[in-house]
Amino acid sequence: METPTIGKLVQAKASNKVWTIGPEAVVYEALELMAAHDVGALLVLEAGKVAGIFSERDYARKVILKGKTSKTARVREMMATPVLYATPDMSLDECMSLMTEKRVRHLPVMDGETLIGIVSVGDVIKRIIANQHHEIRQLEKYLRGGGG
């Protein structure tokens, strides 16, 4: 079996669409976009480059706690920076470790300066579980065949 990587996960995802928003948009627009597309985070692009990431967690923890409202606060004020990212050659385990250690749920996947996708902790967990099921089936097949 090939080594599972984040690049392969991004290629295999049903939807590789990455939803983005500009830093000057109001937070309410970001929330509408996330709700419309059933995503938990948006990449914030400025001049075509990843400038930040805005997530449901950022909204929950920053807007109200800073005395702001979603209709007046700008995404720039609430987005997380600097942006952590995964690379296509990163293993699923490395990605999971990074997400766990840094307590993030979404990582953009960058190939150099090129954004190729975004993965969520759920995407990574599902792929790890699928790979484990595959390995178990292969082992069962081997053992049924006499093991050697």
N, C-alpha and C. Protein backbone atom coordinates (compact mmCIF):
# COMPACT_ATOMS: atom_id res chain seq x y z
N MET A 1 0.85 -1.19 0.00
CA MET A 1 0.00 0.00 0.00
C MET A 1 0.88 1.24 0.00
N GLU A 2 0.48 2.24 -0.79
CA GLU A 2 1.23 3.49 -0.86
C GLU A 2 1.17 4.21 0.48
N THR A 3 2.20 5.00 0.75
CA THR A 3 2.20 5.80 1.96
C THR A 3 1.14 6.89 1.84
N PRO A 4 0.22 6.94 2.79
CA PRO A 4 -0.82 7.97 2.72
C PRO A 4 -0.23 9.34 3.02
N THR A 5 -0.50 10.29 2.14
CA THR A 5 -0.02 11.65 2.33
C THR A 5 -1.19 12.63 2.25
N ILE A 6 -0.94 13.83 2.68
CA ILE A 6 -1.96 14.87 2.61
C ILE A 6 -2.28 15.21 1.15
N GLY A 7 -1.29 15.18 0.29
CA GLY A 7 -1.53 15.43 -1.13
C GLY A 7 -2.50 14.42 -1.71
N LYS A 8 -2.34 13.15 -1.35
CA LYS A 8 -3.25 12.11 -1.84
C LYS A 8 -4.65 12.29 -1.25
N LEU A 9 -4.71 12.72 -0.01
CA LEU A 9 -6.01 12.98 0.62
C LEU A 9 -6.73 14.10 -0.11
N VAL A 10 -6.03 15.18 -0.41
CA VAL A 10 -6.65 16.32 -1.12
C VAL A 10 -7.14 15.87 -2.49
N GLN A 11 -6.35 15.07 -3.21
CA GLN A 11 -6.76 14.58 -4.53
C GLN A 11 -8.02 13.72 -4.44
N ALA A 12 -8.13 12.94 -3.37
CA ALA A 12 -9.24 11.99 -3.23
C ALA A 12 -10.52 12.62 -2.68
N LYS A 13 -10.41 13.82 -2.10
CA LYS A 13 -11.60 14.45 -1.52
C LYS A 13 -12.66 14.68 -2.59
N ALA A 14 -13.91 14.46 -2.22
CA ALA A 14 -15.02 14.65 -3.15
C ALA A 14 -15.06 16.09 -3.67
N SER A 15 -14.79 17.03 -2.80
CA SER A 15 -14.79 18.43 -3.20
C SER A 15 -13.47 19.07 -2.78
N ASN A 16 -12.76 19.57 -3.76
CA ASN A 16 -11.50 20.27 -3.45
C ASN A 16 -11.72 21.78 -3.41
N LYS A 17 -12.97 22.19 -3.41
CA LYS A 17 -13.27 23.62 -3.40
C LYS A 17 -12.80 24.22 -2.08
N VAL A 18 -12.05 25.30 -2.20
CA VAL A 18 -11.59 26.03 -1.02
C VAL A 18 -12.34 27.35 -0.99
N TRP A 19 -13.11 27.56 0.05
CA TRP A 19 -13.90 28.78 0.17
C TRP A 19 -13.03 29.86 0.81
N THR A 20 -13.07 31.04 0.21
CA THR A 20 -12.21 32.13 0.68
C THR A 20 -13.03 33.39 0.87
N ILE A 21 -12.41 34.33 1.57
CA ILE A 21 -13.02 35.64 1.80
C ILE A 21 -11.89 36.65 1.92
N GLY A 22 -12.20 37.90 1.67
CA GLY A 22 -11.20 38.96 1.80
C GLY A 22 -11.13 39.47 3.23
N PRO A 23 -10.01 40.05 3.61
CA PRO A 23 -9.83 40.52 4.99
C PRO A 23 -10.72 41.70 5.36
N GLU A 24 -11.20 42.45 4.39
CA GLU A 24 -12.03 43.62 4.70
C GLU A 24 -13.52 43.30 4.77
N ALA A 25 -13.88 42.06 4.46
CA ALA A 25 -15.29 41.65 4.57
C ALA A 25 -15.70 41.71 6.03
N VAL A 26 -16.99 41.94 6.26
CA VAL A 26 -17.46 41.90 7.65
C VAL A 26 -17.65 40.44 8.06
N VAL A 27 -17.51 40.20 9.33
CA VAL A 27 -17.60 38.85 9.88
C VAL A 27 -18.93 38.19 9.51
N TYR A 28 -20.00 38.96 9.48
CA TYR A 28 -21.31 38.41 9.15
C TYR A 28 -21.30 37.76 7.76
N GLU A 29 -20.62 38.39 6.80
CA GLU A 29 -20.50 37.81 5.45
C GLU A 29 -19.77 36.47 5.50
N ALA A 30 -18.74 36.41 6.32
CA ALA A 30 -17.98 35.16 6.46
C ALA A 30 -18.87 34.07 7.04
N LEU A 31 -19.67 34.41 8.04
CA LEU A 31 -20.58 33.43 8.65
C LEU A 31 -21.62 32.96 7.65
N GLU A 32 -22.15 33.87 6.85
CA GLU A 32 -23.12 33.49 5.81
C GLU A 32 -22.49 32.53 4.81
N LEU A 33 -21.29 32.81 4.39
CA LEU A 33 -20.59 31.96 3.42
C LEU A 33 -20.32 30.58 4.00
N MET A 34 -19.87 30.53 5.26
CA MET A 34 -19.62 29.24 5.90
C MET A 34 -20.92 28.44 6.02
N ALA A 35 -22.01 29.10 6.39
CA ALA A 35 -23.29 28.41 6.53
C ALA A 35 -23.80 27.92 5.18
N ALA A 36 -23.66 28.74 4.15
CA ALA A 36 -24.16 28.38 2.82
C ALA A 36 -23.43 27.16 2.26
N HIS A 37 -22.17 27.01 2.60
CA HIS A 37 -21.37 25.92 2.04
C HIS A 37 -21.03 24.84 3.06
N ASP A 38 -21.61 24.96 4.25
CA ASP A 38 -21.44 23.96 5.31
C ASP A 38 -19.97 23.66 5.58
N VAL A 39 -19.19 24.74 5.79
CA VAL A 39 -17.78 24.61 6.14
C VAL A 39 -17.52 25.32 7.45
N GLY A 40 -16.48 24.91 8.13
CA GLY A 40 -16.16 25.47 9.43
C GLY A 40 -15.08 26.54 9.42
N ALA A 41 -14.50 26.78 8.22
CA ALA A 41 -13.44 27.78 8.14
C ALA A 41 -13.31 28.30 6.72
N LEU A 42 -12.85 29.53 6.62
CA LEU A 42 -12.57 30.16 5.33
C LEU A 42 -11.12 30.62 5.32
N LEU A 43 -10.47 30.44 4.19
CA LEU A 43 -9.15 31.04 4.07
C LEU A 43 -9.34 32.50 3.71
N VAL A 44 -8.52 33.34 4.29
CA VAL A 44 -8.58 34.77 4.02
C VAL A 44 -7.47 35.08 3.02
N LEU A 45 -7.87 35.53 1.83
CA LEU A 45 -6.90 35.83 0.78
C LEU A 45 -6.79 37.33 0.60
N GLU A 46 -5.56 37.78 0.48
CA GLU A 46 -5.28 39.19 0.21
C GLU A 46 -4.25 39.23 -0.91
N ALA A 47 -4.61 39.89 -2.00
CA ALA A 47 -3.75 39.96 -3.18
C ALA A 47 -3.34 38.56 -3.65
N GLY A 48 -4.29 37.62 -3.57
CA GLY A 48 -4.04 36.27 -4.05
C GLY A 48 -3.22 35.38 -3.13
N LYS A 49 -2.84 35.89 -1.98
CA LYS A 49 -2.02 35.13 -1.03
C LYS A 49 -2.81 34.84 0.24
N VAL A 50 -2.52 33.72 0.89
CA VAL A 50 -3.17 33.38 2.14
C VAL A 50 -2.68 34.33 3.23
N ALA A 51 -3.61 35.12 3.77
CA ALA A 51 -3.27 36.10 4.80
C ALA A 51 -3.71 35.65 6.19
N GLY A 52 -4.66 34.71 6.23
CA GLY A 52 -5.17 34.25 7.51
C GLY A 52 -6.20 33.17 7.28
N ILE A 53 -6.77 32.72 8.38
CA ILE A 53 -7.87 31.76 8.32
C ILE A 53 -8.90 32.21 9.35
N PHE A 54 -10.16 32.14 8.96
CA PHE A 54 -11.24 32.54 9.85
C PHE A 54 -12.14 31.33 10.06
N SER A 55 -12.34 30.96 11.31
CA SER A 55 -13.12 29.77 11.63
C SER A 55 -14.26 30.09 12.59
N GLU A 56 -15.13 29.11 12.74
CA GLU A 56 -16.21 29.24 13.71
C GLU A 56 -15.64 29.52 15.09
N ARG A 57 -14.52 28.89 15.40
CA ARG A 57 -13.87 29.09 16.69
C ARG A 57 -13.42 30.55 16.86
N ASP A 58 -12.89 31.14 15.79
CA ASP A 58 -12.49 32.55 15.85
C ASP A 58 -13.70 33.43 16.16
N TYR A 59 -14.81 33.13 15.52
CA TYR A 59 -16.02 33.90 15.78
C TYR A 59 -16.45 33.74 17.23
N ALA A 60 -16.53 32.49 17.67
CA ALA A 60 -17.03 32.22 19.02
C ALA A 60 -16.14 32.84 20.10
N ARG A 61 -14.86 32.85 19.86
CA ARG A 61 -13.93 33.30 20.90
C ARG A 61 -13.50 34.75 20.80
N LYS A 62 -13.65 35.35 19.63
CA LYS A 62 -13.10 36.70 19.47
C LYS A 62 -14.14 37.80 19.34
N VAL A 63 -15.17 37.58 18.56
CA VAL A 63 -16.09 38.67 18.27
C VAL A 63 -16.76 39.18 19.54
N ILE A 64 -17.50 38.35 20.21
CA ILE A 64 -18.23 38.78 21.40
C ILE A 64 -17.27 39.16 22.52
N LEU A 65 -16.23 38.36 22.71
CA LEU A 65 -15.30 38.63 23.80
C LEU A 65 -14.55 39.96 23.62
N LYS A 66 -14.46 40.44 22.39
CA LYS A 66 -13.80 41.72 22.14
C LYS A 66 -14.81 42.87 22.06
N GLY A 67 -16.06 42.55 22.40
CA GLY A 67 -17.08 43.60 22.40
C GLY A 67 -17.47 44.06 21.00
N LYS A 68 -17.30 43.21 20.00
CA LYS A 68 -17.61 43.55 18.61
C LYS A 68 -18.93 42.92 18.21
N THR A 69 -19.42 43.28 17.04
CA THR A 69 -20.58 42.61 16.48
C THR A 69 -20.20 42.05 15.11
N SER A 70 -20.89 40.99 14.71
CA SER A 70 -20.55 40.34 13.44
C SER A 70 -20.88 41.22 12.23
N LYS A 71 -21.75 42.22 12.42
CA LYS A 71 -22.11 43.09 11.30
C LYS A 71 -21.16 44.28 11.14
N THR A 72 -20.28 44.50 12.13
CA THR A 72 -19.34 45.62 12.00
C THR A 72 -17.88 45.19 12.05
N ALA A 73 -17.58 44.10 12.69
CA ALA A 73 -16.19 43.64 12.80
C ALA A 73 -15.71 43.13 11.44
N ARG A 74 -14.48 43.41 11.12
CA ARG A 74 -13.87 42.94 9.87
C ARG A 74 -13.17 41.61 10.11
N VAL A 75 -13.17 40.79 9.08
CA VAL A 75 -12.50 39.49 9.15
C VAL A 75 -11.04 39.68 9.57
N ARG A 76 -10.39 40.71 9.05
CA ARG A 76 -8.98 40.98 9.38
C ARG A 76 -8.74 41.04 10.89
N GLU A 77 -9.70 41.60 11.62
CA GLU A 77 -9.56 41.75 13.07
C GLU A 77 -9.68 40.42 13.82
N MET A 78 -10.35 39.46 13.21
CA MET A 78 -10.69 38.22 13.91
C MET A 78 -9.97 36.98 13.38
N MET A 79 -9.35 37.08 12.22
CA MET A 79 -8.72 35.90 11.60
C MET A 79 -7.49 35.47 12.38
N ALA A 80 -7.17 34.20 12.27
CA ALA A 80 -5.98 33.65 12.91
C ALA A 80 -4.78 33.84 11.97
N THR A 81 -3.70 34.33 12.54
CA THR A 81 -2.43 34.47 11.81
C THR A 81 -1.31 34.17 12.79
N PRO A 82 -0.15 33.75 12.38
CA PRO A 82 0.13 33.30 11.03
C PRO A 82 -0.58 31.98 10.76
N VAL A 83 -0.73 31.67 9.48
CA VAL A 83 -1.47 30.47 9.09
C VAL A 83 -0.52 29.27 9.07
N LEU A 84 -0.90 28.26 9.82
CA LEU A 84 -0.19 26.99 9.74
C LEU A 84 -0.67 26.30 8.48
N TYR A 85 0.17 25.49 7.88
CA TYR A 85 -0.26 24.78 6.68
C TYR A 85 0.40 23.42 6.59
N ALA A 86 -0.19 22.57 5.78
CA ALA A 86 0.37 21.26 5.49
C ALA A 86 0.96 21.31 4.09
N THR A 87 1.87 20.39 3.82
CA THR A 87 2.43 20.25 2.48
C THR A 87 1.94 18.92 1.91
N PRO A 88 1.89 18.80 0.58
CA PRO A 88 1.37 17.57 -0.03
C PRO A 88 2.11 16.30 0.38
N ASP A 89 3.40 16.41 0.68
CA ASP A 89 4.18 15.22 1.02
C ASP A 89 4.11 14.86 2.50
N MET A 90 3.40 15.66 3.29
CA MET A 90 3.27 15.40 4.72
C MET A 90 2.42 14.14 4.93
N SER A 91 2.83 13.30 5.86
CA SER A 91 2.04 12.10 6.15
C SER A 91 0.79 12.49 6.94
N LEU A 92 -0.18 11.59 6.92
CA LEU A 92 -1.40 11.83 7.70
C LEU A 92 -1.08 11.96 9.18
N ASP A 93 -0.16 11.11 9.65
CA ASP A 93 0.22 11.17 11.07
C ASP A 93 0.89 12.49 11.42
N GLU A 94 1.77 12.98 10.53
CA GLU A 94 2.42 14.28 10.78
C GLU A 94 1.39 15.40 10.83
N CYS A 95 0.45 15.34 9.91
CA CYS A 95 -0.60 16.37 9.86
C CYS A 95 -1.45 16.32 11.13
N MET A 96 -1.83 15.12 11.54
CA MET A 96 -2.65 14.97 12.74
C MET A 96 -1.89 15.47 13.97
N SER A 97 -0.61 15.17 14.03
CA SER A 97 0.21 15.64 15.15
C SER A 97 0.25 17.16 15.18
N LEU A 98 0.44 17.79 14.02
CA LEU A 98 0.49 19.25 13.95
C LEU A 98 -0.84 19.86 14.38
N MET A 99 -1.94 19.30 13.88
CA MET A 99 -3.26 19.82 14.23
C MET A 99 -3.54 19.67 15.73
N THR A 100 -3.13 18.54 16.28
CA THR A 100 -3.35 18.28 17.70
C THR A 100 -2.49 19.20 18.56
N GLU A 101 -1.22 19.28 18.22
CA GLU A 101 -0.28 20.11 19.00
C GLU A 101 -0.67 21.58 18.98
N LYS A 102 -1.07 22.07 17.82
CA LYS A 102 -1.40 23.49 17.67
C LYS A 102 -2.89 23.79 17.91
N ARG A 103 -3.67 22.72 18.15
CA ARG A 103 -5.10 22.85 18.45
C ARG A 103 -5.85 23.60 17.35
N VAL A 104 -5.64 23.14 16.10
CA VAL A 104 -6.36 23.70 14.96
C VAL A 104 -7.17 22.60 14.30
N ARG A 105 -8.25 22.98 13.67
CA ARG A 105 -9.14 22.00 13.04
C ARG A 105 -9.07 22.03 11.52
N HIS A 106 -8.44 23.06 10.96
CA HIS A 106 -8.35 23.20 9.50
C HIS A 106 -6.94 23.62 9.12
N LEU A 107 -6.41 23.00 8.07
CA LEU A 107 -5.09 23.37 7.55
C LEU A 107 -5.16 23.52 6.04
N PRO A 108 -4.73 24.68 5.54
CA PRO A 108 -4.57 24.77 4.09
C PRO A 108 -3.40 23.87 3.67
N VAL A 109 -3.46 23.38 2.46
CA VAL A 109 -2.39 22.55 1.92
C VAL A 109 -1.70 23.37 0.84
N MET A 110 -0.42 23.64 1.05
CA MET A 110 0.35 24.49 0.16
C MET A 110 1.47 23.69 -0.50
N ASP A 111 1.59 23.86 -1.81
CA ASP A 111 2.70 23.31 -2.56
C ASP A 111 3.54 24.50 -2.97
N GLY A 112 4.54 24.81 -2.16
CA GLY A 112 5.30 26.05 -2.35
C GLY A 112 4.38 27.23 -2.06
N GLU A 113 4.19 28.09 -3.05
CA GLU A 113 3.32 29.26 -2.91
C GLU A 113 1.89 28.96 -3.39
N THR A 114 1.66 27.75 -3.90
CA THR A 114 0.38 27.41 -4.50
C THR A 114 -0.54 26.70 -3.51
N LEU A 115 -1.73 27.25 -3.33
CA LEU A 115 -2.75 26.65 -2.49
C LEU A 115 -3.41 25.53 -3.29
N ILE A 116 -3.35 24.29 -2.76
CA ILE A 116 -3.94 23.17 -3.49
C ILE A 116 -5.18 22.60 -2.81
N GLY A 117 -5.47 23.03 -1.60
CA GLY A 117 -6.66 22.53 -0.92
C GLY A 117 -6.64 22.90 0.54
N ILE A 118 -7.60 22.34 1.25
CA ILE A 118 -7.68 22.52 2.69
C ILE A 118 -8.18 21.20 3.27
N VAL A 119 -7.65 20.83 4.43
CA VAL A 119 -8.09 19.61 5.09
C VAL A 119 -8.56 19.96 6.49
N SER A 120 -9.56 19.21 6.92
CA SER A 120 -10.06 19.37 8.28
C SER A 120 -9.58 18.18 9.10
N VAL A 121 -9.65 18.31 10.40
CA VAL A 121 -9.28 17.20 11.27
C VAL A 121 -10.17 16.00 10.96
N GLY A 122 -11.43 16.24 10.61
CA GLY A 122 -12.33 15.15 10.24
C GLY A 122 -11.88 14.42 8.98
N ASP A 123 -11.40 15.18 7.98
CA ASP A 123 -10.88 14.56 6.76
C ASP A 123 -9.73 13.62 7.08
N VAL A 124 -8.81 14.09 7.91
CA VAL A 124 -7.62 13.31 8.24
C VAL A 124 -7.99 12.07 9.04
N ILE A 125 -8.86 12.22 10.02
CA ILE A 125 -9.29 11.07 10.83
C ILE A 125 -9.98 10.03 9.97
N LYS A 126 -10.89 10.46 9.09
CA LYS A 126 -11.59 9.51 8.22
C LYS A 126 -10.60 8.73 7.36
N ARG A 127 -9.59 9.41 6.82
CA ARG A 127 -8.62 8.73 5.97
C ARG A 127 -7.75 7.77 6.78
N ILE A 128 -7.35 8.16 7.98
CA ILE A 128 -6.56 7.26 8.84
C ILE A 128 -7.36 6.00 9.15
N ILE A 129 -8.64 6.17 9.49
CA ILE A 129 -9.50 5.02 9.79
C ILE A 129 -9.66 4.13 8.56
N ALA A 130 -9.89 4.73 7.40
CA ALA A 130 -10.04 3.95 6.17
C ALA A 130 -8.76 3.16 5.88
N ASN A 131 -7.61 3.78 6.08
CA ASN A 131 -6.34 3.09 5.85
C ASN A 131 -6.16 1.93 6.83
N GLN A 132 -6.56 2.13 8.08
CA GLN A 132 -6.46 1.06 9.07
C GLN A 132 -7.37 -0.11 8.71
N HIS A 133 -8.59 0.19 8.25
CA HIS A 133 -9.51 -0.86 7.82
C HIS A 133 -8.91 -1.66 6.65
N HIS A 134 -8.30 -0.94 5.73
CA HIS A 134 -7.68 -1.60 4.58
C HIS A 134 -6.56 -2.54 5.04
N GLU A 135 -5.72 -2.04 5.94
CA GLU A 135 -4.62 -2.86 6.46
C GLU A 135 -5.14 -4.10 7.20
N ILE A 136 -6.21 -3.94 7.95
CA ILE A 136 -6.81 -5.08 8.68
C ILE A 136 -7.33 -6.11 7.68
N ARG A 137 -8.02 -5.64 6.65
CA ARG A 137 -8.53 -6.58 5.63
C ARG A 137 -7.39 -7.32 4.93
N GLN A 138 -6.31 -6.61 4.64
CA GLN A 138 -5.16 -7.25 4.00
C GLN A 138 -4.54 -8.31 4.91
N LEU A 139 -4.44 -7.99 6.19
CA LEU A 139 -3.88 -8.93 7.16
C LEU A 139 -4.78 -10.15 7.31
N GLU A 140 -6.09 -9.91 7.37
CA GLU A 140 -7.03 -11.04 7.46
C GLU A 140 -6.92 -11.95 6.25
N LYS A 141 -6.80 -11.34 5.07
CA LYS A 141 -6.66 -12.11 3.83
C LYS A 141 -5.38 -12.96 3.88
N TYR A 142 -4.32 -12.35 4.34
CA TYR A 142 -3.03 -13.04 4.46
C TYR A 142 -3.13 -14.22 5.43
N LEU A 143 -3.75 -13.98 6.56
CA LEU A 143 -3.87 -15.03 7.58
C LEU A 143 -4.78 -16.17 7.11
N ARG A 144 -5.85 -15.85 6.38
CA ARG A 144 -6.72 -16.90 5.85
C ARG A 144 -6.00 -17.74 4.80
N GLY A 145 -5.04 -17.13 4.14
CA GLY A 145 -4.29 -17.86 3.10
C GLY A 145 -3.20 -18.75 3.68
N GLY A 146 -3.11 -18.86 4.97
CA GLY A 146 -2.13 -19.74 5.60
C GLY A 146 -0.93 -19.02 6.15
N GLY A 147 -0.81 -17.74 5.82
CA GLY A 147 0.27 -16.96 6.41
C GLY A 147 1.65 -17.29 5.93
N GLY A 148 1.81 -18.00 4.87
CA GLY A 148 3.18 -18.13 4.45
C GLY A 148 3.47 -19.31 3.67
